[in-house]
Protein backbone atom coordinates (compact mmCIF):
# COMPACT_ATOMS: atom_id res chain seq x y z
CA MET A 1 -0.11 0.02 0.28
CA ALA A 2 1.08 3.40 -0.84
CA ILE A 3 -0.49 6.18 0.59
CA LEU A 4 -1.81 9.43 -1.40
CA ILE A 5 -3.33 12.51 0.63
CA GLN A 6 -5.35 14.45 -1.98
CA LYS A 7 -6.76 17.68 -0.88
CA LEU A 8 -10.08 18.61 -2.97
CA THR A 9 -12.49 21.44 -2.50
CA ASN A 10 -14.52 19.98 0.32
CA VAL A 11 -12.85 16.79 1.08
CA VAL A 12 -9.30 15.16 1.77
CA ASN A 13 -9.29 11.67 0.21
CA ILE A 14 -6.98 8.98 1.37
CA ILE A 15 -6.12 7.13 -1.61
CA ASP A 16 -4.16 3.99 -2.04
CA ASP A 17 -2.36 4.50 -5.51
CA THR A 18 -1.21 0.87 -6.03
CA ARG A 19 -5.00 -0.28 -6.38
CA ALA A 20 -6.59 -0.42 -9.74
CA ALA A 21 -8.10 2.81 -11.09
CA GLY A 22 -11.46 3.27 -9.86
CA GLU A 23 -10.71 1.75 -6.55
CA GLN A 24 -7.90 3.74 -5.26
CA ILE A 25 -9.99 5.77 -2.41
CA ILE A 26 -9.97 3.96 0.70
CA ASN A 27 -11.31 6.93 2.94
CA SER A 28 -12.87 10.49 2.16
CA LEU A 29 -12.50 13.01 5.11
CA GLY A 30 -14.43 16.25 5.92
CA VAL A 31 -12.42 19.11 6.03
CA TYR A 32 -13.20 19.68 9.71
CA CYS A 33 -10.88 17.11 10.96
CA VAL A 34 -7.72 17.44 12.88
CA ALA A 35 -4.55 15.48 12.48
CA LYS A 36 -2.69 14.51 15.41
CA VAL A 37 0.69 12.73 15.81
CA GLN A 38 0.81 9.51 18.17
CA HIS A 39 4.54 8.61 19.33
CA LYS A 40 5.06 5.48 20.51
CA THR A 41 8.67 4.52 21.16
CA PRO A 42 9.72 2.01 20.16
CA LEU A 43 7.15 1.19 17.87
CA ASP A 44 6.33 3.17 14.68
CA ASP A 45 4.85 6.52 15.50
CA THR A 46 1.46 7.22 13.76
CA LEU A 47 -0.65 9.88 12.81
CA HIS A 48 -4.14 9.88 13.80
CA ILE A 49 -6.76 11.83 11.88
CA LEU A 50 -9.65 12.86 14.06
CA ASP A 51 -13.21 13.89 13.06
CA ALA A 52 -15.32 16.83 14.68
CA GLU A 53 -16.22 14.50 17.41
CA GLY A 54 -12.62 13.46 18.39
CA LYS A 55 -12.96 10.12 17.01
CA PRO A 56 -10.30 8.51 14.88
CA THR A 57 -11.06 8.27 11.17
CA GLN A 58 -7.70 7.17 9.60
CA ILE A 59 -4.22 5.87 11.00
CA ILE A 60 -1.38 6.74 8.97
CA THR A 61 2.18 5.37 9.18
CA ASN A 62 5.05 7.23 7.90
CA ASP A 63 7.10 4.57 5.83
CA GLY A 64 8.45 6.99 3.59
CA THR A 65 6.03 6.13 0.61
CA ILE A 66 3.44 9.00 1.77
CA LYS A 67 2.55 11.35 -1.01
CA THR A 68 0.45 14.46 -0.51
CA GLN A 69 -1.38 16.33 -3.41
CA ASP A 70 -2.56 20.02 -2.50
CA PHE A 71 -5.61 21.28 -4.13
CA GLY A 72 -4.71 21.87 -8.29
CA GLY A 73 -1.51 20.16 -7.94
CA ALA A 74 0.28 16.94 -8.49
CA PRO A 75 1.19 14.18 -6.36
CA VAL A 76 4.56 14.75 -4.58
CA LEU A 77 6.38 12.23 -2.27
CA PHE A 78 6.26 13.82 1.32
CA SER A 79 10.01 14.13 2.64
CA GLY A 80 9.32 15.61 6.04
CA THR A 81 8.75 14.00 9.32
CA LEU A 82 5.41 13.02 10.69
CA ASP A 83 5.05 16.18 13.01
CA ASP A 84 5.74 18.01 9.53
CA LEU A 85 3.06 16.00 8.09
CA ALA A 86 0.38 16.74 10.65
CA ASN A 87 1.49 20.69 10.47
CA LYS A 88 0.86 20.51 6.74
CA LEU A 89 -2.59 19.01 6.98
CA ASN A 90 -4.05 21.06 10.09
CA ASP A 91 -2.71 24.23 8.50
CA ILE A 92 -3.49 23.78 4.51
CA TYR A 93 -5.70 20.61 4.16
CA PHE A 94 -8.15 20.92 7.08
CA ASN A 95 -10.07 23.74 8.13
CA ASN A 96 -9.07 23.95 11.45
CA GLN A 97 -7.03 26.97 13.20
CA VAL A 98 -5.08 26.83 16.26
CA THR A 99 -4.95 30.02 18.49
CA SER A 100 -3.04 30.96 21.45
CA ALA A 101 -4.71 29.89 24.91
CA GLY A 102 -5.04 32.75 27.33
CA GLY A 103 -5.06 33.11 31.22
CA GLY A 104 -2.32 33.13 33.80
CA GLY A 105 0.01 34.70 31.30
CA GLY A 106 0.69 31.37 29.86
CA GLY A 107 0.70 30.49 25.70
CA GLY A 108 0.77 28.12 23.05
CA ASP A 109 -1.38 26.25 21.16
CA ALA A 110 -5.01 25.42 22.25
CA SER A 111 -5.97 22.16 23.33
CA ALA A 112 -7.06 19.47 21.20
CA ALA A 113 -10.86 20.01 22.77
CA ASN A 114 -10.60 23.71 22.00
CA GLN A 115 -9.63 22.95 18.38
CA LEU A 116 -12.62 20.70 17.73
CA ILE A 117 -15.04 23.07 19.22
CA GLN A 118 -13.64 25.70 17.03
CA ILE A 119 -13.92 23.16 13.99
CA THR A 120 -17.44 22.12 14.78
CA GLU A 121 -18.51 25.77 14.82
CA ALA A 122 -16.84 26.18 11.44
CA GLN A 123 -18.49 23.03 9.96
CA LYS A 124 -22.10 24.02 11.00
CA LEU A 125 -21.19 27.30 8.85
CA THR A 126 -19.01 26.18 5.75
CA ASN A 127 -21.08 22.45 5.27
CA ALA A 128 -24.69 23.09 6.05
CA ASN A 129 -26.94 21.79 3.72
CA ALA A 130 -23.99 20.59 1.51
CA PRO A 131 -24.64 17.21 0.49
CA SER A 132 -22.06 15.30 -1.45
CA GLN A 133 -21.96 11.93 -3.33
CA GLU A 134 -19.59 9.48 -3.94
CA GLN A 135 -19.00 5.94 -5.78
CA ILE A 136 -16.90 3.43 -4.02
CA ILE A 137 -16.16 0.25 -5.72
CA ASN A 138 -15.08 -3.04 -3.60
CA PRO A 139 -14.95 -0.95 -0.25
CA ALA A 140 -12.25 -2.19 2.15
CA ALA A 141 -12.96 -0.98 5.56
CA VAL A 142 -14.18 2.47 4.43
CA VAL A 143 -15.31 4.61 7.14
CA VAL A 144 -17.78 7.36 6.73
CA SER A 145 -18.24 9.74 9.77
CA GLY A 146 -19.35 13.28 10.35
CA TRP A 147 -22.63 13.06 8.83
CA LYS A 148 -26.22 14.52 9.57
CA LYS A 149 -27.98 12.25 6.93
CA LEU A 150 -26.70 9.56 5.05
CA SER A 151 -28.03 7.56 2.31
CA PHE A 152 -26.41 4.47 0.24
CA VAL A 153 -27.40 1.72 -2.24
CA CYS A 154 -25.38 -1.13 -2.89
CA SER A 155 -25.07 -3.79 -5.52
CA GLY A 156 -22.92 -7.06 -4.98
CA ALA A 157 -22.45 -8.31 -1.40
CA ILE A 158 -21.36 -5.00 0.84
CA THR A 159 -21.51 -5.56 4.49
CA VAL A 160 -22.30 -2.26 6.04
CA THR A 161 -21.75 -1.76 10.08
CA ILE A 162 -23.16 0.97 12.31
CA ASP A 163 -23.08 0.86 16.16
CA GLY A 164 -21.65 -2.67 16.18
CA ASN A 165 -24.31 -4.12 14.01
CA SER A 166 -23.63 -5.17 10.55
CA ILE A 167 -25.98 -5.96 7.47
CA ILE A 168 -25.34 -7.30 4.09
CA TYR A 169 -26.70 -5.26 1.33
CA PRO A 170 -28.60 -5.99 -1.14
CA PHE A 171 -30.82 -7.66 1.76
CA ASN A 172 -33.94 -9.80 0.99
CA LEU A 173 -36.87 -9.10 3.41
CA GLY A 174 -39.81 -11.09 2.55
CA GLY A 175 -39.17 -11.34 -1.05
CA ALA A 176 -38.45 -7.71 -1.42
CA GLN A 177 -34.71 -6.57 -2.43
CA ILE A 178 -33.69 -3.63 -0.34
CA LEU A 179 -30.57 -2.03 -1.70
CA GLY A 180 -29.61 0.40 0.92
CA ALA A 181 -31.02 2.54 3.76
CA ASP A 182 -31.09 5.88 4.83
CA PHE A 183 -29.38 7.11 8.21
CA GLU A 184 -30.53 10.49 9.93
CA ALA A 185 -29.16 12.53 13.12
CA ASP A 186 -30.65 15.57 14.67
CA ASN A 187 -27.03 16.97 14.86
CA THR A 188 -23.62 15.34 13.52
CA SER A 189 -24.00 11.52 14.21
CA ASP A 190 -21.63 10.11 16.70
CA ASN A 191 -21.65 7.07 14.96
CA ALA A 192 -19.39 6.23 11.84
CA VAL A 193 -20.59 3.68 8.82
CA THR A 194 -18.24 1.31 7.74
CA PHE A 195 -18.50 -0.27 4.58
CA ASN A 196 -16.69 -3.84 3.29
CA GLY A 197 -17.35 -6.01 0.55
CA THR A 198 -17.31 -6.81 -3.39
CA GLY A 199 -19.43 -4.69 -5.21
CA THR A 200 -20.35 -0.96 -5.71
CA VAL A 201 -21.70 1.71 -3.23
CA LEU A 202 -23.32 4.97 -3.99
CA ILE A 203 -23.02 6.99 -0.94
CA THR A 204 -24.95 10.63 -0.58
CA LYS A 205 -23.91 12.41 2.70
CA LYS A 206 -24.90 15.56 4.13
CA GLN A 207 -22.98 17.50 6.69
CA ALA A 208 -24.37 18.90 9.75
């Protein structure tokens, strides 16, 4: 696997560019995420990408093959450290802004919790009523999170998991074939949906 992190207008794609064309996107992240480095000496350090609820949606290991693709640019092999990659994602790819912490004469970056609050508020302004759609072929642990309404239809045999419960779609119920489902939350859902299987998934997502 060779990871490419691709910046688009309203989404950041995590791509495995060793896969066949049309099967390369393994995750699509909202621009409200936060990248956070986990140093785990003597194990490999990892980069965790958290959604607006602070839940991890993607884990990346810096194995020297990571590429980044700025908006409108071409893929480039990333040569910096994992800290450098986190800074690039947070400063350029994601819409989070780190502010200085006040009080007691102290300074420095705001806590992750404060950052997430800022990101959530920005999300409400920038992503309200902005649905997006995506086609995924042969999904492998594709996680979709940060949605207010999520609709999908499937062909082939796609295992869809939410809140620990899995159903394989299309699903036969009393002689009727159900191709997918609609999930909706009052605000940003706390639950992510994971897609696995062989076939095609068509997803329509409305963010909070």
